[in-house]
Amino acid sequence: MGNAGLEWVAANNRILLTHDRATMPNFAHTRVVGGQPMPEVFVLHDRMLVRQAIDELLLIEADSEQEEWAGLVVYLPL
């Protein structure tokens, strides 16, 4: 996916869920440093159950606003 994927996600006002701990945080950091829009990036542990990921995201959604997460890379579980 890389930087082009993050560009698409930002342009379409989406969030990104990924298992890619190796490269995606670096692509996100490069966008922030370069002053480019950067969506919320949630990095899921590769052994995290789908139900657990959904529960974590529902908690985040219930207790915060989407704008609070813009430009951040968050590792789940919290």
Protein backbone atom coordinates (compact mmCIF):
# COMPACT_ATOMS: atom_id res chain seq x y z
CA MET A 1 0.00 0.00 0.00
CA GLY A 2 2.69 2.47 1.01
CA ASN A 3 2.55 6.22 0.60
CA ALA A 4 0.16 6.06 -2.37
CA GLY A 5 -2.30 4.14 -0.21
CA LEU A 6 -2.04 6.69 2.58
CA GLU A 7 -2.59 9.45 0.03
CA TRP A 8 -5.80 7.75 -1.16
CA VAL A 9 -6.98 7.20 2.42
CA ALA A 10 -6.37 10.89 3.28
CA ALA A 11 -8.04 12.15 0.08
CA ASN A 12 -11.11 10.03 0.78
CA ASN A 13 -11.35 10.87 4.50
CA ARG A 14 -10.87 7.28 5.63
CA ILE A 15 -8.91 5.58 8.39
CA LEU A 16 -6.37 2.86 7.78
CA LEU A 17 -6.28 -0.46 9.61
CA THR A 18 -3.11 -2.42 8.96
CA HIS A 19 -0.97 -5.28 10.21
CA ASP A 20 2.10 -3.71 8.57
CA ARG A 21 4.23 -2.71 11.56
CA ALA A 22 7.42 -2.75 9.48
CA THR A 23 6.78 -0.03 6.90
CA MET A 24 3.43 1.72 7.35
CA PRO A 25 4.42 3.77 10.45
CA ASN A 26 7.45 5.05 8.51
CA PHE A 27 5.29 6.06 5.53
CA ALA A 28 2.92 7.85 7.93
CA HIS A 29 5.80 9.68 9.64
CA THR A 30 7.17 10.81 6.28
CA ARG A 31 3.79 12.29 5.36
CA VAL A 32 3.49 14.18 8.66
CA VAL A 33 7.04 15.56 8.43
CA GLY A 34 6.36 16.58 4.82
CA GLY A 35 3.23 18.51 5.84
CA GLN A 36 0.95 16.20 3.88
CA PRO A 37 -2.46 15.19 5.17
CA MET A 38 -2.22 11.96 7.07
CA PRO A 39 -5.20 9.89 8.13
CA GLU A 40 -5.57 7.92 11.29
CA VAL A 41 -3.51 4.75 11.11
CA PHE A 42 -4.37 1.90 13.44
CA VAL A 43 -1.79 -0.87 13.48
CA LEU A 44 -3.35 -4.13 14.60
CA HIS A 45 -1.40 -6.89 16.27
CA ASP A 46 -1.26 -9.72 13.75
CA ARG A 47 -2.78 -12.19 16.21
CA MET A 48 -5.60 -9.90 17.27
CA LEU A 49 -9.04 -11.42 16.83
CA VAL A 50 -11.43 -9.54 14.55
CA ARG A 51 -13.94 -9.19 17.39
CA GLN A 52 -11.27 -7.68 19.64
CA ALA A 53 -10.26 -5.20 16.93
CA ILE A 54 -13.89 -4.18 16.45
CA ASP A 55 -14.34 -3.72 20.21
CA GLU A 56 -11.20 -1.55 20.42
CA LEU A 57 -12.35 0.61 17.51
CA LEU A 58 -15.84 0.99 18.98
CA LEU A 59 -14.32 2.18 22.26
CA ILE A 60 -12.17 4.71 20.43
CA GLU A 61 -15.14 5.92 18.39
CA ALA A 62 -17.37 6.26 21.46
CA ASP A 63 -14.88 8.21 23.56
CA SER A 64 -13.29 10.58 21.06
CA GLU A 65 -13.66 12.57 17.87
CA GLN A 66 -12.11 11.49 14.58
CA GLU A 67 -10.05 14.69 14.39
CA GLU A 68 -8.22 13.71 17.59
CA TRP A 69 -6.58 10.79 15.80
CA ALA A 70 -5.56 12.54 12.57
CA GLY A 71 -1.85 12.27 11.94
CA LEU A 72 -1.36 9.56 14.54
CA VAL A 73 -0.22 5.96 14.38
CA VAL A 74 -1.95 3.96 17.09
CA TYR A 75 -1.05 0.39 17.98
CA LEU A 76 -3.91 -1.90 18.96
CA PRO A 77 -4.72 -3.31 21.40
CA LEU A 78 -4.47 -0.12 23.42
